[in-house]
N, C-alpha and C. Protein backbone atom coordinates (compact mmCIF):
# COMPACT_ATOMS: atom_id res chain seq x y z
N UNK A 1 126.35 128.46 92.10
CA UNK A 1 125.67 127.20 92.24
C UNK A 1 125.78 126.74 93.69
N UNK A 2 124.78 126.08 94.15
CA UNK A 2 124.80 125.58 95.52
C UNK A 2 124.51 124.07 95.49
N UNK A 3 125.35 123.32 96.15
CA UNK A 3 125.22 121.88 96.13
C UNK A 3 125.56 121.34 97.52
N UNK A 4 124.76 120.47 98.03
CA UNK A 4 125.02 119.92 99.36
C UNK A 4 126.12 118.86 99.34
N UNK A 5 126.49 118.36 98.19
CA UNK A 5 127.51 117.33 98.11
C UNK A 5 128.92 117.90 98.09
N UNK A 6 129.08 119.16 97.72
CA UNK A 6 130.42 119.77 97.68
C UNK A 6 130.53 120.77 98.81
N UNK A 7 131.61 120.66 99.55
CA UNK A 7 131.88 121.56 100.66
C UNK A 7 133.32 122.03 100.52
N UNK A 8 133.54 123.32 100.52
CA UNK A 8 134.89 123.86 100.38
C UNK A 8 135.76 123.34 101.54
N UNK A 9 136.88 122.69 101.24
CA UNK A 9 137.73 122.18 102.31
C UNK A 9 138.45 123.28 103.08
N UNK A 10 138.49 124.47 102.53
CA UNK A 10 139.20 125.58 103.18
C UNK A 10 138.29 126.36 104.13
N UNK A 11 137.09 126.77 103.66
CA UNK A 11 136.21 127.61 104.49
C UNK A 11 134.84 126.99 104.76
N UNK A 12 134.58 125.78 104.23
CA UNK A 12 133.34 125.03 104.43
C UNK A 12 132.10 125.73 103.87
N UNK A 13 132.28 126.51 102.83
CA UNK A 13 131.18 127.20 102.16
C UNK A 13 130.55 126.24 101.14
N UNK A 14 129.24 126.37 100.88
CA UNK A 14 128.55 125.46 99.97
C UNK A 14 128.41 125.97 98.55
N UNK A 15 128.52 127.28 98.32
CA UNK A 15 128.32 127.83 96.98
C UNK A 15 129.62 127.81 96.19
N UNK A 16 129.50 127.49 94.90
CA UNK A 16 130.68 127.40 94.04
C UNK A 16 130.32 127.74 92.60
N UNK A 17 131.34 128.02 91.81
CA UNK A 17 131.20 128.26 90.38
C UNK A 17 131.90 127.13 89.64
N UNK A 18 131.35 126.76 88.48
CA UNK A 18 131.93 125.68 87.69
C UNK A 18 132.55 126.28 86.43
N UNK A 19 133.77 125.85 86.12
CA UNK A 19 134.45 126.28 84.91
C UNK A 19 135.07 125.08 84.23
N UNK A 20 135.69 125.30 83.09
CA UNK A 20 136.31 124.21 82.35
C UNK A 20 137.58 124.71 81.69
N UNK A 21 138.62 123.88 81.70
CA UNK A 21 139.84 124.18 80.95
C UNK A 21 140.22 122.95 80.14
N UNK A 22 140.92 123.19 79.06
CA UNK A 22 141.46 122.11 78.23
C UNK A 22 142.95 122.34 78.09
N UNK A 23 143.71 121.27 78.21
CA UNK A 23 145.17 121.38 78.14
C UNK A 23 145.71 120.39 77.12
N UNK A 24 146.85 120.75 76.54
CA UNK A 24 147.52 119.87 75.58
C UNK A 24 148.24 118.77 76.35
N UNK A 25 148.38 117.62 75.72
CA UNK A 25 149.02 116.49 76.37
C UNK A 25 150.49 116.39 76.05
N UNK A 26 150.82 115.72 74.97
CA UNK A 26 152.20 115.47 74.61
C UNK A 26 152.69 116.38 73.50
N UNK A 27 153.82 115.99 72.93
CA UNK A 27 154.50 116.78 71.91
C UNK A 27 153.61 117.03 70.69
N UNK A 28 153.02 115.95 70.13
CA UNK A 28 152.25 116.09 68.89
C UNK A 28 150.97 116.89 69.11
N UNK A 29 150.35 116.74 70.25
CA UNK A 29 149.14 117.52 70.51
C UNK A 29 149.47 119.00 70.66
N UNK A 30 150.67 119.31 71.15
CA UNK A 30 151.08 120.72 71.23
C UNK A 30 151.37 121.27 69.84
N UNK A 31 152.01 120.48 69.00
CA UNK A 31 152.34 120.91 67.63
C UNK A 31 151.06 121.22 66.85
N UNK A 32 150.07 120.32 66.94
CA UNK A 32 148.83 120.48 66.17
C UNK A 32 147.75 121.21 66.94
N UNK A 33 148.07 121.73 68.13
CA UNK A 33 147.14 122.50 68.96
C UNK A 33 145.86 121.73 69.25
N UNK A 34 146.03 120.47 69.69
CA UNK A 34 144.91 119.63 70.08
C UNK A 34 144.91 119.53 71.60
N UNK A 35 143.81 119.88 72.22
CA UNK A 35 143.71 119.80 73.67
C UNK A 35 143.32 118.39 74.05
N UNK A 36 144.27 117.64 74.63
CA UNK A 36 144.08 116.23 74.92
C UNK A 36 143.30 115.98 76.21
N UNK A 37 143.44 116.84 77.19
CA UNK A 37 142.79 116.62 78.47
C UNK A 37 141.84 117.76 78.80
N UNK A 38 140.76 117.40 79.46
CA UNK A 38 139.75 118.38 79.84
C UNK A 38 139.51 118.27 81.34
N UNK A 39 139.43 119.40 82.01
CA UNK A 39 139.24 119.44 83.45
C UNK A 39 138.08 120.36 83.81
N UNK A 40 137.29 119.95 84.77
CA UNK A 40 136.27 120.82 85.33
C UNK A 40 136.85 121.45 86.58
N UNK A 41 136.57 122.72 86.78
CA UNK A 41 137.09 123.45 87.93
C UNK A 41 135.92 123.89 88.80
N UNK A 42 135.99 123.59 90.09
CA UNK A 42 135.02 124.07 91.06
C UNK A 42 135.71 125.13 91.90
N UNK A 43 135.16 126.35 91.90
CA UNK A 43 135.74 127.46 92.65
C UNK A 43 134.77 127.92 93.71
N UNK A 44 135.25 127.98 94.94
CA UNK A 44 134.42 128.40 96.07
C UNK A 44 133.97 129.85 95.86
N UNK A 45 132.70 130.11 96.13
CA UNK A 45 132.14 131.44 95.98
C UNK A 45 132.61 132.43 97.03
N UNK A 46 133.13 131.94 98.14
CA UNK A 46 133.57 132.82 99.21
C UNK A 46 135.08 133.08 99.17
N UNK A 47 135.90 132.03 99.18
CA UNK A 47 137.35 132.22 99.32
C UNK A 47 138.14 131.99 98.03
N UNK A 48 137.48 131.58 96.94
CA UNK A 48 138.09 131.33 95.63
C UNK A 48 139.01 130.12 95.59
N UNK A 49 138.92 129.24 96.58
CA UNK A 49 139.66 127.98 96.53
C UNK A 49 139.16 127.19 95.33
N UNK A 50 140.07 126.59 94.56
CA UNK A 50 139.68 125.89 93.33
C UNK A 50 140.20 124.46 93.34
N UNK A 51 139.33 123.54 92.94
CA UNK A 51 139.69 122.14 92.76
C UNK A 51 139.45 121.78 91.31
N UNK A 52 140.34 120.95 90.74
CA UNK A 52 140.21 120.50 89.36
C UNK A 52 139.90 119.01 89.33
N UNK A 53 138.97 118.64 88.46
CA UNK A 53 138.58 117.25 88.28
C UNK A 53 138.70 116.90 86.81
N UNK A 54 139.40 115.81 86.51
CA UNK A 54 139.58 115.41 85.12
C UNK A 54 138.28 114.81 84.59
N UNK A 55 137.89 115.25 83.39
CA UNK A 55 136.71 114.72 82.73
C UNK A 55 137.13 114.14 81.40
N UNK A 56 136.27 113.35 80.82
CA UNK A 56 136.61 112.70 79.55
C UNK A 56 136.50 113.68 78.40
N UNK A 57 137.50 113.64 77.51
CA UNK A 57 137.47 114.46 76.30
C UNK A 57 136.87 113.63 75.18
N UNK A 58 136.04 114.24 74.40
CA UNK A 58 135.42 113.52 73.29
C UNK A 58 136.31 113.59 72.05
N UNK A 59 136.23 112.58 71.21
CA UNK A 59 136.99 112.56 69.96
C UNK A 59 136.51 113.69 69.05
N UNK A 60 135.21 113.97 69.06
CA UNK A 60 134.66 115.04 68.24
C UNK A 60 135.22 116.38 68.65
N UNK A 61 135.39 116.61 69.95
CA UNK A 61 135.98 117.85 70.43
C UNK A 61 137.41 118.01 69.98
N UNK A 62 138.17 116.91 69.95
CA UNK A 62 139.56 116.97 69.48
C UNK A 62 139.62 117.28 67.99
N UNK A 63 138.71 116.70 67.20
CA UNK A 63 138.68 116.97 65.76
C UNK A 63 138.32 118.44 65.52
N UNK A 64 137.35 118.95 66.27
CA UNK A 64 136.96 120.36 66.15
C UNK A 64 138.12 121.28 66.51
N UNK A 65 138.86 120.96 67.59
CA UNK A 65 140.04 121.75 67.97
C UNK A 65 141.07 121.75 66.87
N UNK A 66 141.28 120.61 66.23
CA UNK A 66 142.26 120.51 65.15
C UNK A 66 141.85 121.35 63.94
N UNK A 67 140.56 121.33 63.59
CA UNK A 67 140.07 122.05 62.42
C UNK A 67 140.12 123.58 62.62
N UNK A 68 139.90 124.02 63.85
CA UNK A 68 139.90 125.47 64.08
C UNK A 68 141.30 125.90 64.36
């Protein structure tokens, strides 16, 4: 992906890849395997520098995680 608003702070490259990770929060979310927090990851296409940005997790996504 190429975006003029994001510039790699390490090599100043404009192209990046977008990914997503979900992580468990506290004790009970670990026990029931519920991912409480969601992060978007931007990875530079040239040097692989990665930045994480917290995004909002939906209640529906948490229920789906619990059911599966």
